[in-house]
Amino acid sequence: MTAAKDASQAIGRSPDQLTLEERARFAGMRVALEIYTPETLPLRRIEAIGNSLEDCVRMVKARGLDPMRFEYTLLTPM
């Protein structure tokens, strides 16, 4: 399984739901999480994942979402 295909399995999951193995495998990758507002659910899900900020923004745009509504965070191992 390619790294990108493997990482795509994280889409839709909370970073807290990633296993230790997944956290280690995805460490150093960027994830896009919707910025919390009273209108959004407090559960924050990974909406994009990539090796760079540009990759994440590109994935968010490809999904028809507004990249300004997301924060981009570096995943670290637990």
Protein backbone atom coordinates (compact mmCIF):
# COMPACT_ATOMS: atom_id res chain seq x y z
CA MET A 1 0.00 0.00 0.00
CA THR A 2 1.41 3.39 -0.95
CA ALA A 3 1.97 6.00 1.75
CA ALA A 4 -0.61 8.37 0.22
CA LYS A 5 -3.26 5.65 -0.01
CA ASP A 6 -2.46 4.56 3.53
CA ALA A 7 -2.71 8.15 4.80
CA SER A 8 -6.07 8.61 3.08
CA GLN A 9 -7.50 6.12 5.57
CA ALA A 10 -7.12 8.85 8.21
CA ILE A 11 -9.63 11.12 6.43
CA GLY A 12 -12.81 11.52 8.47
CA ARG A 13 -11.23 10.35 11.72
CA SER A 14 -10.27 12.36 14.75
CA PRO A 15 -6.49 12.58 15.27
CA ASP A 16 -7.17 11.09 18.71
CA GLN A 17 -8.60 7.97 17.04
CA LEU A 18 -5.38 7.17 15.21
CA THR A 19 -3.53 4.17 16.61
CA LEU A 20 0.01 4.55 17.93
CA GLU A 21 1.25 2.77 14.81
CA GLU A 22 -0.65 5.18 12.56
CA ARG A 23 0.61 8.20 14.52
CA ALA A 24 4.17 6.98 14.08
CA ARG A 25 3.63 6.26 10.37
CA PHE A 26 2.02 9.67 9.70
CA ALA A 27 4.39 11.66 11.93
CA GLY A 28 5.64 14.72 10.08
CA MET A 29 2.60 14.91 7.80
CA ARG A 30 0.20 17.85 7.83
CA VAL A 31 -3.50 17.45 8.53
CA ALA A 32 -6.37 19.86 7.94
CA LEU A 33 -8.86 20.18 10.78
CA GLU A 34 -11.96 22.36 10.57
CA ILE A 35 -11.68 25.43 12.78
CA TYR A 36 -14.06 25.06 15.71
CA THR A 37 -16.99 27.44 15.78
CA PRO A 38 -20.28 27.20 17.68
CA GLU A 39 -21.86 25.99 14.42
CA THR A 40 -19.42 23.09 13.99
CA LEU A 41 -19.31 19.94 16.02
CA PRO A 42 -16.67 19.77 18.72
CA LEU A 43 -15.41 16.47 17.24
CA ARG A 44 -12.61 17.47 14.92
CA ARG A 45 -11.97 15.18 12.00
CA ILE A 46 -9.06 15.02 9.61
CA GLU A 47 -10.34 16.46 6.32
CA ALA A 48 -7.02 16.30 4.45
CA ILE A 49 -3.57 14.84 5.01
CA GLY A 50 -0.38 15.40 3.08
CA ASN A 51 3.36 15.81 3.22
CA SER A 52 3.13 19.60 3.09
CA LEU A 53 0.79 22.48 3.76
CA GLU A 54 0.33 22.86 0.00
CA ASP A 55 -0.72 19.21 -0.30
CA CYS A 56 -3.35 19.69 2.41
CA VAL A 57 -4.74 22.88 0.88
CA ARG A 58 -4.88 21.21 -2.55
CA MET A 59 -6.78 18.24 -1.08
CA VAL A 60 -9.21 20.52 0.78
CA LYS A 61 -9.91 22.46 -2.45
CA ALA A 62 -10.30 19.22 -4.43
CA ARG A 63 -13.02 18.20 -2.00
CA GLY A 64 -14.86 21.46 -2.70
CA LEU A 65 -14.14 22.89 0.76
CA ASP A 66 -12.93 26.38 1.69
CA PRO A 67 -9.28 26.14 2.85
CA MET A 68 -9.76 29.25 5.03
CA ARG A 69 -12.10 27.26 7.32
CA PHE A 70 -9.32 24.88 8.36
CA GLU A 71 -6.25 24.88 10.51
CA TYR A 72 -3.26 22.90 9.36
CA THR A 73 -1.38 20.95 11.98
CA LEU A 74 1.77 18.85 11.95
CA LEU A 75 1.12 15.32 13.21
CA THR A 76 3.59 14.10 15.80
CA PRO A 77 4.06 10.65 17.26
CA MET A 78 2.36 10.26 20.63
